[in-house]
Amino acid sequence: MPFYAWIVIAVVFVFLIGIRIIRPTHRGLVERLGKYNRFGLPGLNWIIPVIEQLRQVNITEMMVDAAPQEIITNDNLNARVDAQVYFRVKEDEANVKASQYNVNNFQWQIVNLARTTLRNIIGTLTLKSANSERGKINEELLKTLSTETARWGIDIVRTELKEIDPPKDVQETMNKVVKAENEKIAAIDFATATETMADGARRAEIKKAEGIRQARILAAEGEAQAIKLVNEAAEQYFVGNAQLLRRLETVEKAMANNAKIVVPGNAQLVNVIGDLAGVLPLPTKD
């Protein structure tokens, strides 16, 4: 085989082994003889074999778990705390370089920084306040991590406090306190409901009594008005015969109640009634 053919084969071979493919989720840093040379974008890239080296950096969002640790709270209780940190390498050239050249193993550094920051934050809080202020703890952790990693080319997306577990005996005591509080609230609600029902029943009875009272007052007023009208009529049309009118009313009421009257055989009913009322009998025909 001619010499030039070997040269062509060698060039093709070198070209092929120098091909590098960068995925859209990564960016590349090309180093030549240990020194940064150029930035690699997604797609086909070529490096000089042996002389150059391509380092690919993942720019997608990643998560690291700040392994659980025991932290002494401000009220001297050992709380088991665990958290997660979500971050990503910024995709521009300067920040990708910073993530590789400004910090050694940024993922491990983030974990340790998160653990130290959590100890500083939770150490100033009581166990109760730490559990009730998780949002505040997440905000402070995010702020601290963002400040400390500013030179690393890292964007801290968010932090999540997974758990703050007190000691077992403290947890049991807290559960009993919560149960007692719930029972207390339930008892208060039951007492309030019972009191409301009793108050409603009392108001209903008062309304009923008021209705009966008002009805009686109206009936009495109606009767008084009727008596007044009858007296006025008696004074106007039966002057001097008020007693006679009263007797007629008495007889009327008695007969309205199905009173029994014995009528002699030789007497007229109208005369008997008149006699009861004090009215002179009608003359009889012989």
C-alpha atoms as a PDB file:
ATOM      1  CA  MET A   1       0.000   0.000   0.000  1.00  0.00           C
ATOM      2  CA  PRO A   2       1.376   3.424  -0.933  1.00  0.00           C
ATOM      3  CA  PHE A   3       2.673   5.671   1.814  1.00  0.00           C
ATOM      4  CA  TYR A   4       0.144   8.424   1.166  1.00  0.00           C
ATOM      5  CA  ALA A   5      -2.650   5.907   1.703  1.00  0.00           C
ATOM      6  CA  TRP A   6      -1.367   5.252   5.189  1.00  0.00           C
ATOM      7  CA  ILE A   7      -1.288   8.968   5.789  1.00  0.00           C
ATOM      8  CA  VAL A   8      -4.961   9.302   4.727  1.00  0.00           C
ATOM      9  CA  ILE A   9      -5.960   6.411   6.976  1.00  0.00           C
ATOM     10  CA  ALA A  10      -4.108   7.977   9.902  1.00  0.00           C
ATOM     11  CA  VAL A  11      -5.777  11.362   9.350  1.00  0.00           C
ATOM     12  CA  VAL A  12      -9.206   9.742   9.148  1.00  0.00           C
ATOM     13  CA  PHE A  13      -8.497   7.722  12.263  1.00  0.00           C
ATOM     14  CA  VAL A  14      -7.344  10.795  14.212  1.00  0.00           C
ATOM     15  CA  PHE A  15     -10.390  12.729  13.035  1.00  0.00           C
ATOM     16  CA  LEU A  16     -12.770   9.974  14.108  1.00  0.00           C
ATOM     17  CA  ILE A  17     -11.287   9.501  17.542  1.00  0.00           C
ATOM     18  CA  GLY A  18     -11.390  13.267  18.080  1.00  0.00           C
ATOM     19  CA  ILE A  19     -15.173  13.532  17.555  1.00  0.00           C
ATOM     20  CA  ARG A  20     -17.174  14.431  20.672  1.00  0.00           C
ATOM     21  CA  ILE A  21     -20.995  14.762  20.927  1.00  0.00           C
ATOM     22  CA  ILE A  22     -22.435  17.126  23.531  1.00  0.00           C
ATOM     23  CA  ARG A  23     -26.073  16.636  24.495  1.00  0.00           C
ATOM     24  CA  PRO A  24     -28.494  19.606  24.952  1.00  0.00           C
ATOM     25  CA  THR A  25     -28.445  18.958  28.710  1.00  0.00           C
ATOM     26  CA  HIS A  26     -24.696  19.594  28.902  1.00  0.00           C
ATOM     27  CA  ARG A  27     -22.060  22.162  28.064  1.00  0.00           C
ATOM     28  CA  GLY A  28     -18.380  21.440  27.325  1.00  0.00           C
ATOM     29  CA  LEU A  29     -15.055  22.839  28.447  1.00  0.00           C
ATOM     30  CA  VAL A  30     -12.173  22.021  26.074  1.00  0.00           C
ATOM     31  CA  GLU A  31      -8.757  22.001  27.743  1.00  0.00           C
ATOM     32  CA  ARG A  32      -5.521  21.924  25.763  1.00  0.00           C
ATOM     33  CA  LEU A  33      -2.530  20.592  27.613  1.00  0.00           C
ATOM     34  CA  GLY A  34      -4.275  21.258  30.926  1.00  0.00           C
ATOM     35  CA  LYS A  35      -5.284  24.832  30.105  1.00  0.00           C
ATOM     36  CA  TYR A  36      -8.782  26.049  29.222  1.00  0.00           C
ATOM     37  CA  ASN A  37      -9.052  26.617  25.482  1.00  0.00           C
ATOM     38  CA  ARG A  38     -12.674  26.976  24.354  1.00  0.00           C
ATOM     39  CA  PHE A  39     -16.360  26.432  25.179  1.00  0.00           C
ATOM     40  CA  GLY A  40     -18.244  23.446  23.791  1.00  0.00           C
ATOM     41  CA  LEU A  41     -21.903  23.814  22.756  1.00  0.00           C
ATOM     42  CA  PRO A  42     -24.454  21.017  22.175  1.00  0.00           C
ATOM     43  CA  GLY A  43     -23.869  19.057  18.981  1.00  0.00           C
ATOM     44  CA  LEU A  44     -20.750  17.823  17.178  1.00  0.00           C
ATOM     45  CA  ASN A  45     -17.432  18.971  18.591  1.00  0.00           C
ATOM     46  CA  TRP A  46     -13.895  17.953  17.622  1.00  0.00           C
ATOM     47  CA  ILE A  47     -10.814  17.913  19.781  1.00  0.00           C
ATOM     48  CA  ILE A  48      -7.209  17.085  19.079  1.00  0.00           C
ATOM     49  CA  PRO A  49      -6.654  13.611  20.517  1.00  0.00           C
ATOM     50  CA  VAL A  50      -4.165  13.375  23.380  1.00  0.00           C
ATOM     51  CA  ILE A  51      -3.484  17.100  23.307  1.00  0.00           C
ATOM     52  CA  GLU A  52      -7.040  18.272  24.119  1.00  0.00           C
ATOM     53  CA  GLN A  53      -9.639  17.006  26.577  1.00  0.00           C
ATOM     54  CA  LEU A  54     -13.389  17.736  26.759  1.00  0.00           C
ATOM     55  CA  ARG A  55     -15.097  18.072  30.158  1.00  0.00           C
ATOM     56  CA  GLN A  56     -18.907  17.921  29.955  1.00  0.00           C
ATOM     57  CA  VAL A  57     -20.928  19.737  32.622  1.00  0.00           C
ATOM     58  CA  ASN A  58     -24.586  18.944  33.343  1.00  0.00           C
ATOM     59  CA  ILE A  59     -26.731  22.127  33.382  1.00  0.00           C
ATOM     60  CA  THR A  60     -30.075  20.532  34.299  1.00  0.00           C
ATOM     61  CA  GLU A  61     -31.668  20.969  37.727  1.00  0.00           C
ATOM     62  CA  MET A  62     -30.211  18.564  40.268  1.00  0.00           C
ATOM     63  CA  MET A  63     -30.979  17.642  43.868  1.00  0.00           C
ATOM     64  CA  VAL A  64     -28.708  16.745  46.759  1.00  0.00           C
ATOM     65  CA  ASP A  65     -29.850  15.410  50.103  1.00  0.00           C
ATOM     66  CA  ALA A  66     -28.308  17.000  53.161  1.00  0.00           C
ATOM     67  CA  ALA A  67     -28.077  13.750  55.103  1.00  0.00           C
ATOM     68  CA  PRO A  68     -30.058  13.633  58.401  1.00  0.00           C
ATOM     69  CA  GLN A  69     -28.220  15.051  61.384  1.00  0.00           C
ATOM     70  CA  GLU A  70     -28.859  15.641  65.078  1.00  0.00           C
ATOM     71  CA  ILE A  71     -29.161  19.350  65.931  1.00  0.00           C
ATOM     72  CA  ILE A  72     -29.512  20.755  69.453  1.00  0.00           C
ATOM     73  CA  THR A  73     -32.304  23.338  69.526  1.00  0.00           C
ATOM     74  CA  ASN A  74     -32.401  26.440  71.697  1.00  0.00           C
ATOM     75  CA  ASP A  75     -34.436  24.564  74.341  1.00  0.00           C
ATOM     76  CA  ASN A  76     -31.742  21.834  74.573  1.00  0.00           C
ATOM     77  CA  LEU A  77     -33.569  19.117  72.637  1.00  0.00           C
ATOM     78  CA  ASN A  78     -31.944  16.877  70.036  1.00  0.00           C
ATOM     79  CA  ALA A  79     -33.890  17.217  66.798  1.00  0.00           C
ATOM     80  CA  ARG A  80     -33.238  14.990  63.784  1.00  0.00           C
ATOM     81  CA  VAL A  81     -33.185  17.315  60.760  1.00  0.00           C
ATOM     82  CA  ASP A  82     -33.090  16.463  57.074  1.00  0.00           C
ATOM     83  CA  ALA A  83     -33.270  18.778  54.049  1.00  0.00           C
ATOM     84  CA  GLN A  84     -32.965  18.763  50.267  1.00  0.00           C
ATOM     85  CA  VAL A  85     -31.319  21.359  48.029  1.00  0.00           C
ATOM     86  CA  TYR A  86     -32.268  21.857  44.364  1.00  0.00           C
ATOM     87  CA  PHE A  87     -29.753  23.646  42.128  1.00  0.00           C
ATOM     88  CA  ARG A  88     -28.440  23.942  38.589  1.00  0.00           C
ATOM     89  CA  VAL A  89     -25.266  25.124  36.863  1.00  0.00           C
ATOM     90  CA  LYS A  90     -25.885  28.287  34.862  1.00  0.00           C
ATOM     91  CA  GLU A  91     -25.458  27.521  31.183  1.00  0.00           C
ATOM     92  CA  ASP A  92     -23.299  30.440  30.019  1.00  0.00           C
ATOM     93  CA  GLU A  93     -19.561  29.986  29.505  1.00  0.00           C
ATOM     94  CA  ALA A  94     -18.394  32.023  32.512  1.00  0.00           C
ATOM     95  CA  ASN A  95     -20.560  30.152  35.015  1.00  0.00           C
ATOM     96  CA  VAL A  96     -19.820  26.718  33.579  1.00  0.00           C
ATOM     97  CA  LYS A  97     -16.110  27.520  33.958  1.00  0.00           C
ATOM     98  CA  ALA A  98     -16.710  28.782  37.515  1.00  0.00           C
ATOM     99  CA  SER A  99     -18.456  25.523  38.490  1.00  0.00           C
ATOM    100  CA  GLN A 100     -15.336  23.587  37.495  1.00  0.00           C
ATOM    101  CA  TYR A 101     -12.469  25.938  38.303  1.00  0.00           C
ATOM    102  CA  ASN A 102     -13.714  27.919  41.332  1.00  0.00           C
ATOM    103  CA  VAL A 103     -14.863  25.032  43.525  1.00  0.00           C
ATOM    104  CA  ASN A 104     -13.839  21.431  44.001  1.00  0.00           C
ATOM    105  CA  ASN A 105     -16.860  19.093  43.682  1.00  0.00           C
ATOM    106  CA  PHE A 106     -19.661  21.629  44.107  1.00  0.00           C
ATOM    107  CA  GLN A 107     -22.274  18.975  44.964  1.00  0.00           C
ATOM    108  CA  TRP A 108     -20.334  17.792  48.011  1.00  0.00           C
ATOM    109  CA  GLN A 109     -19.684  21.408  48.984  1.00  0.00           C
ATOM    110  CA  ILE A 110     -23.403  22.264  48.782  1.00  0.00           C
ATOM    111  CA  VAL A 111     -24.312  19.341  51.057  1.00  0.00           C
ATOM    112  CA  ASN A 112     -21.856  20.363  53.750  1.00  0.00           C
ATOM    113  CA  LEU A 113     -22.753  24.034  53.473  1.00  0.00           C
ATOM    114  CA  ALA A 114     -26.469  23.181  53.837  1.00  0.00           C
ATOM    115  CA  ARG A 115     -25.832  21.043  56.928  1.00  0.00           C
ATOM    116  CA  THR A 116     -23.752  23.778  58.577  1.00  0.00           C
ATOM    117  CA  THR A 117     -26.341  26.448  57.766  1.00  0.00           C
ATOM    118  CA  LEU A 118     -29.167  24.320  59.200  1.00  0.00           C
ATOM    119  CA  ARG A 119     -27.251  23.889  62.466  1.00  0.00           C
ATOM    120  CA  ASN A 120     -26.798  27.652  62.718  1.00  0.00           C
ATOM    121  CA  ILE A 121     -30.454  28.432  61.991  1.00  0.00           C
ATOM    122  CA  ILE A 122     -32.206  25.736  64.044  1.00  0.00           C
ATOM    123  CA  GLY A 123     -29.784  26.154  66.950  1.00  0.00           C
ATOM    124  CA  THR A 124     -31.354  29.577  67.605  1.00  0.00           C
ATOM    125  CA  LEU A 125     -34.934  28.223  67.624  1.00  0.00           C
ATOM    126  CA  THR A 126     -36.960  26.111  70.018  1.00  0.00           C
ATOM    127  CA  LEU A 127     -38.280  22.788  68.753  1.00  0.00           C
ATOM    128  CA  LYS A 128     -41.822  24.117  68.630  1.00  0.00           C
ATOM    129  CA  SER A 129     -40.903  27.261  66.693  1.00  0.00           C
ATOM    130  CA  ALA A 130     -38.694  25.251  64.320  1.00  0.00           C
ATOM    131  CA  ASN A 131     -41.653  23.050  63.405  1.00  0.00           C
ATOM    132  CA  SER A 132     -44.010  26.000  62.995  1.00  0.00           C
ATOM    133  CA  GLU A 133     -41.559  28.168  61.020  1.00  0.00           C
ATOM    134  CA  ARG A 134     -40.422  25.764  58.314  1.00  0.00           C
ATOM    135  CA  GLY A 135     -41.060  28.351  55.623  1.00  0.00           C
ATOM    136  CA  LYS A 136     -38.811  30.847  57.377  1.00  0.00           C
ATOM    137  CA  ILE A 137     -36.055  28.227  57.769  1.00  0.00           C
ATOM    138  CA  ASN A 138     -36.259  27.368  54.054  1.00  0.00           C
ATOM    139  CA  GLU A 139     -35.998  31.053  53.142  1.00  0.00           C
ATOM    140  CA  GLU A 140     -32.940  31.613  55.332  1.00  0.00           C
ATOM    141  CA  LEU A 141     -31.269  28.446  54.043  1.00  0.00           C
ATOM    142  CA  LEU A 142     -31.925  29.450  50.422  1.00  0.00           C
ATOM    143  CA  LYS A 143     -30.604  32.965  51.019  1.00  0.00           C
ATOM    144  CA  THR A 144     -27.406  31.737  52.689  1.00  0.00           C
ATOM    145  CA  LEU A 145     -26.678  29.089  50.043  1.00  0.00           C
ATOM    146  CA  SER A 146     -27.299  31.558  47.213  1.00  0.00           C
ATOM    147  CA  THR A 147     -24.867  34.033  48.754  1.00  0.00           C
ATOM    148  CA  GLU A 148     -22.145  31.484  49.476  1.00  0.00           C
ATOM    149  CA  THR A 149     -22.323  29.828  46.042  1.00  0.00           C
ATOM    150  CA  ALA A 150     -22.415  33.060  44.009  1.00  0.00           C
ATOM    151  CA  ARG A 151     -18.815  32.464  42.760  1.00  0.00           C
ATOM    152  CA  TRP A 152     -19.458  28.833  41.890  1.00  0.00           C
ATOM    153  CA  GLY A 153     -21.636  29.484  38.822  1.00  0.00           C
ATOM    154  CA  ILE A 154     -24.487  27.747  40.669  1.00  0.00           C
ATOM    155  CA  ASP A 155     -28.133  28.811  40.827  1.00  0.00           C
ATOM    156  CA  ILE A 156     -29.830  27.551  44.028  1.00  0.00           C
ATOM    157  CA  VAL A 157     -33.391  26.923  42.840  1.00  0.00           C
ATOM    158  CA  ARG A 158     -35.053  26.017  46.152  1.00  0.00           C
ATOM    159  CA  THR A 159     -34.558  24.251  49.468  1.00  0.00           C
ATOM    160  CA  GLU A 160     -36.947  21.868  51.198  1.00  0.00           C
ATOM    161  CA  LEU A 161     -36.849  21.006  54.895  1.00  0.00           C
ATOM    162  CA  LYS A 162     -37.945  17.363  54.856  1.00  0.00           C
ATOM    163  CA  GLU A 163     -38.288  16.644  58.562  1.00  0.00           C
ATOM    164  CA  ILE A 164     -37.635  17.944  62.059  1.00  0.00           C
ATOM    165  CA  ASP A 165     -38.142  14.978  64.354  1.00  0.00           C
ATOM    166  CA  PRO A 166     -37.872  15.410  68.137  1.00  0.00           C
ATOM    167  CA  PRO A 167     -36.654  12.617  70.462  1.00  0.00           C
ATOM    168  CA  LYS A 168     -39.077   9.720  70.850  1.00  0.00           C
ATOM    169  CA  ASP A 169     -40.112  10.539  74.431  1.00  0.00           C
ATOM    170  CA  VAL A 170     -40.678  14.194  73.515  1.00  0.00           C
ATOM    171  CA  GLN A 171     -42.728  13.141  70.485  1.00  0.00           C
ATOM    172  CA  GLU A 172     -44.960  10.953  72.667  1.00  0.00           C
ATOM    173  CA  THR A 173     -45.495  13.822  75.104  1.00  0.00           C
ATOM    174  CA  MET A 174     -46.313  16.195  72.248  1.00  0.00           C
ATOM    175  CA  ASN A 175     -48.819  13.701  70.857  1.00  0.00           C
ATOM    176  CA  LYS A 176     -50.543  13.515  74.251  1.00  0.00           C
ATOM    177  CA  VAL A 177     -50.667  17.310  74.474  1.00  0.00           C
ATOM    178  CA  VAL A 178     -52.163  17.562  70.983  1.00  0.00           C
ATOM    179  CA  LYS A 179     -54.725  14.871  71.830  1.00  0.00           C
ATOM    180  CA  ALA A 180     -55.690  16.690  75.035  1.00  0.00           C
ATOM    181  CA  GLU A 181     -56.028  19.975  73.148  1.00  0.00           C
ATOM    182  CA  ASN A 182     -58.252  18.327  70.535  1.00  0.00           C
ATOM    183  CA  GLU A 183     -60.446  16.782  73.236  1.00  0.00           C
ATOM    184  CA  LYS A 184     -60.676  20.146  74.965  1.00  0.00           C
ATOM    185  CA  ILE A 185     -61.758  21.853  71.753  1.00  0.00           C
ATOM    186  CA  ALA A 186     -64.318  19.103  71.084  1.00  0.00           C
ATOM    187  CA  ALA A 187     -65.745  19.473  74.614  1.00  0.00           C
ATOM    188  CA  ILE A 188     -65.981  23.249  74.216  1.00  0.00           C
ATOM    189  CA  ASP A 189     -67.726  22.845  70.857  1.00  0.00           C
ATOM    190  CA  PHE A 190     -70.192  20.353  72.351  1.00  0.00           C
ATOM    191  CA  ALA A 191     -70.924  22.651  75.303  1.00  0.00           C
ATOM    192  CA  THR A 192     -71.407  25.594  72.958  1.00  0.00           C
ATOM    193  CA  ALA A 193     -73.778  23.590  70.759  1.00  0.00           C
ATOM    194  CA  THR A 194     -75.770  22.436  73.797  1.00  0.00           C
ATOM    195  CA  GLU A 195     -75.961  25.976  75.126  1.00  0.00           C
ATOM    196  CA  THR A 196     -77.104  27.222  71.723  1.00  0.00           C
ATOM    197  CA  MET A 197     -79.848  24.591  71.567  1.00  0.00           C
ATOM    198  CA  ALA A 198     -81.000  25.437  75.100  1.00  0.00           C
ATOM    199  CA  ASP A 199     -80.995  29.136  74.291  1.00  0.00           C
ATOM    200  CA  GLY A 200     -83.006  28.468  71.158  1.00  0.00           C
ATOM    201  CA  ALA A 201     -85.564  26.421  73.094  1.00  0.00           C
ATOM    202  CA  ARG A 202     -85.804  29.157  75.747  1.00  0.00           C
ATOM    203  CA  ARG A 203     -86.337  31.819  73.111  1.00  0.00           C
ATOM    204  CA  ALA A 204     -89.022  29.672  71.466  1.00  0.00           C
ATOM    205  CA  GLU A 205     -90.858  29.304  74.794  1.00  0.00           C
ATOM    206  CA  ILE A 206     -90.611  33.042  75.385  1.00  0.00           C
ATOM    207  CA  LYS A 207     -92.001  33.735  71.931  1.00  0.00           C
ATOM    208  CA  LYS A 208     -94.817  31.264  72.560  1.00  0.00           C
ATOM    209  CA  ALA A 209     -95.652  32.845  75.915  1.00  0.00           C
ATOM    210  CA  GLU A 210     -95.519  36.301  74.337  1.00  0.00           C
ATOM    211  CA  GLY A 211     -97.928  35.125  71.656  1.00  0.00           C
ATOM    212  CA  ILE A 212    -100.375  33.727  74.230  1.00  0.00           C
ATOM    213  CA  ARG A 213    -100.109  36.887  76.316  1.00  0.00           C
ATOM    214  CA  GLN A 214    -100.657  39.119  73.293  1.00  0.00           C
ATOM    215  CA  ALA A 215    -103.649  37.037  72.226  1.00  0.00           C
ATOM    216  CA  ARG A 216    -105.196  37.342  75.671  1.00  0.00           C
ATOM    217  CA  ILE A 217    -104.572  41.079  75.744  1.00  0.00           C
ATOM    218  CA  LEU A 218    -106.198  41.474  72.347  1.00  0.00           C
ATOM    219  CA  ALA A 219    -109.144  39.330  73.427  1.00  0.00           C
ATOM    220  CA  ALA A 220    -109.574  41.364  76.600  1.00  0.00           C
ATOM    221  CA  GLU A 221    -109.296  44.600  74.689  1.00  0.00           C
ATOM    222  CA  GLY A 222    -111.864  43.308  72.193  1.00  0.00           C
ATOM    223  CA  GLU A 223    -114.225  42.317  74.972  1.00  0.00           C
ATOM    224  CA  ALA A 224    -113.760  45.668  76.713  1.00  0.00           C
ATOM    225  CA  GLN A 225    -114.453  47.465  73.468  1.00  0.00           C
ATOM    226  CA  ALA A 226    -117.584  45.367  72.944  1.00  0.00           C
ATOM    227  CA  ILE A 227    -118.794  46.118  76.481  1.00  0.00           C
ATOM    228  CA  LYS A 228    -118.125  49.800  75.895  1.00  0.00           C
ATOM    229  CA  LEU A 229    -120.136  49.749  72.680  1.00  0.00           C
ATOM    230  CA  VAL A 230    -122.983  47.853  74.362  1.00  0.00           C
ATOM    231  CA  ASN A 231    -123.006  50.324  77.258  1.00  0.00           C
ATOM    232  CA  GLU A 232    -123.033  53.238  74.865  1.00  0.00           C
ATOM    233  CA  ALA A 233    -125.913  51.658  72.946  1.00  0.00           C
ATOM    234  CA  ALA A 234    -127.745  50.940  76.187  1.00  0.00           C
ATOM    235  CA  GLU A 235    -127.342  54.517  77.353  1.00  0.00           C
ATOM    236  CA  GLN A 236    -128.539  55.771  74.000  1.00  0.00           C
ATOM    237  CA  TYR A 237    -131.405  53.394  73.235  1.00  0.00           C
ATOM    238  CA  PHE A 238    -132.257  51.782  76.561  1.00  0.00           C
ATOM    239  CA  VAL A 239    -132.089  54.660  78.983  1.00  0.00           C
ATOM    240  CA  GLY A 240    -133.140  53.407  82.426  1.00  0.00           C
ATOM    241  CA  ASN A 241    -133.157  49.783  81.247  1.00  0.00           C
ATOM    242  CA  ALA A 242    -129.505  48.900  81.711  1.00  0.00           C
ATOM    243  CA  GLN A 243    -130.342  46.187  84.237  1.00  0.00           C
ATOM    244  CA  LEU A 244    -132.868  44.734  81.852  1.00  0.00           C
ATOM    245  CA  LEU A 245    -130.243  44.621  79.084  1.00  0.00           C
ATOM    246  CA  ARG A 246    -127.815  42.886  81.384  1.00  0.00           C
ATOM    247  CA  ARG A 247    -130.406  40.241  82.225  1.00  0.00           C
ATOM    248  CA  LEU A 248    -131.094  39.638  78.555  1.00  0.00           C
ATOM    249  CA  GLU A 249    -127.344  39.159  77.950  1.00  0.00           C
ATOM    250  CA  THR A 250    -127.185  36.700  80.854  1.00  0.00           C
ATOM    251  CA  VAL A 251    -130.098  34.677  79.489  1.00  0.00           C
ATOM    252  CA  GLU A 252    -128.464  34.733  76.047  1.00  0.00           C
ATOM    253  CA  LYS A 253    -125.209  33.353  77.380  1.00  0.00           C
ATOM    254  CA  ALA A 254    -127.001  30.711  79.443  1.00  0.00           C
ATOM    255  CA  MET A 255    -128.958  29.472  76.453  1.00  0.00           C
ATOM    256  CA  ALA A 256    -125.809  29.529  74.327  1.00  0.00           C
ATOM    257  CA  ASN A 257    -124.325  26.976  76.733  1.00  0.00           C
ATOM    258  CA  ASN A 258    -127.288  24.581  76.206  1.00  0.00           C
ATOM    259  CA  ALA A 259    -128.898  25.446  79.570  1.00  0.00           C
ATOM    260  CA  LYS A 260    -132.029  23.444  80.253  1.00  0.00           C
ATOM    261  CA  ILE A 261    -135.276  25.365  81.012  1.00  0.00           C
ATOM    262  CA  VAL A 262    -138.420  23.693  82.325  1.00  0.00           C
ATOM    263  CA  VAL A 263    -141.486  25.211  80.655  1.00  0.00           C
ATOM    264  CA  PRO A 264    -144.840  24.614  82.351  1.00  0.00           C
ATOM    265  CA  GLY A 265    -147.448  23.093  80.159  1.00  0.00           C
ATOM    266  CA  ASN A 266    -149.831  26.059  80.329  1.00  0.00           C
ATOM    267  CA  ALA A 267    -147.092  28.711  79.777  1.00  0.00           C
ATOM    268  CA  GLN A 268    -145.638  30.243  76.645  1.00  0.00           C
ATOM    269  CA  LEU A 269    -141.878  29.898  75.973  1.00  0.00           C
ATOM    270  CA  VAL A 270    -141.469  33.571  75.267  1.00  0.00           C
ATOM    271  CA  ASN A 271    -143.009  34.477  78.603  1.00  0.00           C
ATOM    272  CA  VAL A 272    -140.801  32.024  80.436  1.00  0.00           C
ATOM    273  CA  ILE A 273    -137.694  33.567  78.835  1.00  0.00           C
ATOM    274  CA  GLY A 274    -138.978  37.010  79.500  1.00  0.00           C
ATOM    275  CA  ASP A 275    -139.623  36.093  83.129  1.00  0.00           C
ATOM    276  CA  LEU A 276    -136.001  34.930  83.403  1.00  0.00           C
ATOM    277  CA  ALA A 277    -134.859  38.257  82.063  1.00  0.00           C
ATOM    278  CA  GLY A 278    -137.336  40.238  84.203  1.00  0.00           C
ATOM    279  CA  VAL A 279    -139.529  41.277  81.273  1.00  0.00           C
ATOM    280  CA  LEU A 280    -143.256  41.480  81.681  1.00  0.00           C
ATOM    281  CA  PRO A 281    -145.038  38.568  80.067  1.00  0.00           C
ATOM    282  CA  LEU A 282    -147.135  39.005  77.011  1.00  0.00           C
ATOM    283  CA  PRO A 283    -150.848  39.132  77.703  1.00  0.00           C
ATOM    284  CA  THR A 284    -152.627  35.871  77.008  1.00  0.00           C
ATOM    285  CA  LYS A 285    -155.753  35.585  74.929  1.00  0.00           C
ATOM    286  CA  ASP A 286    -158.767  34.217  76.721  1.00  0.00           C
END
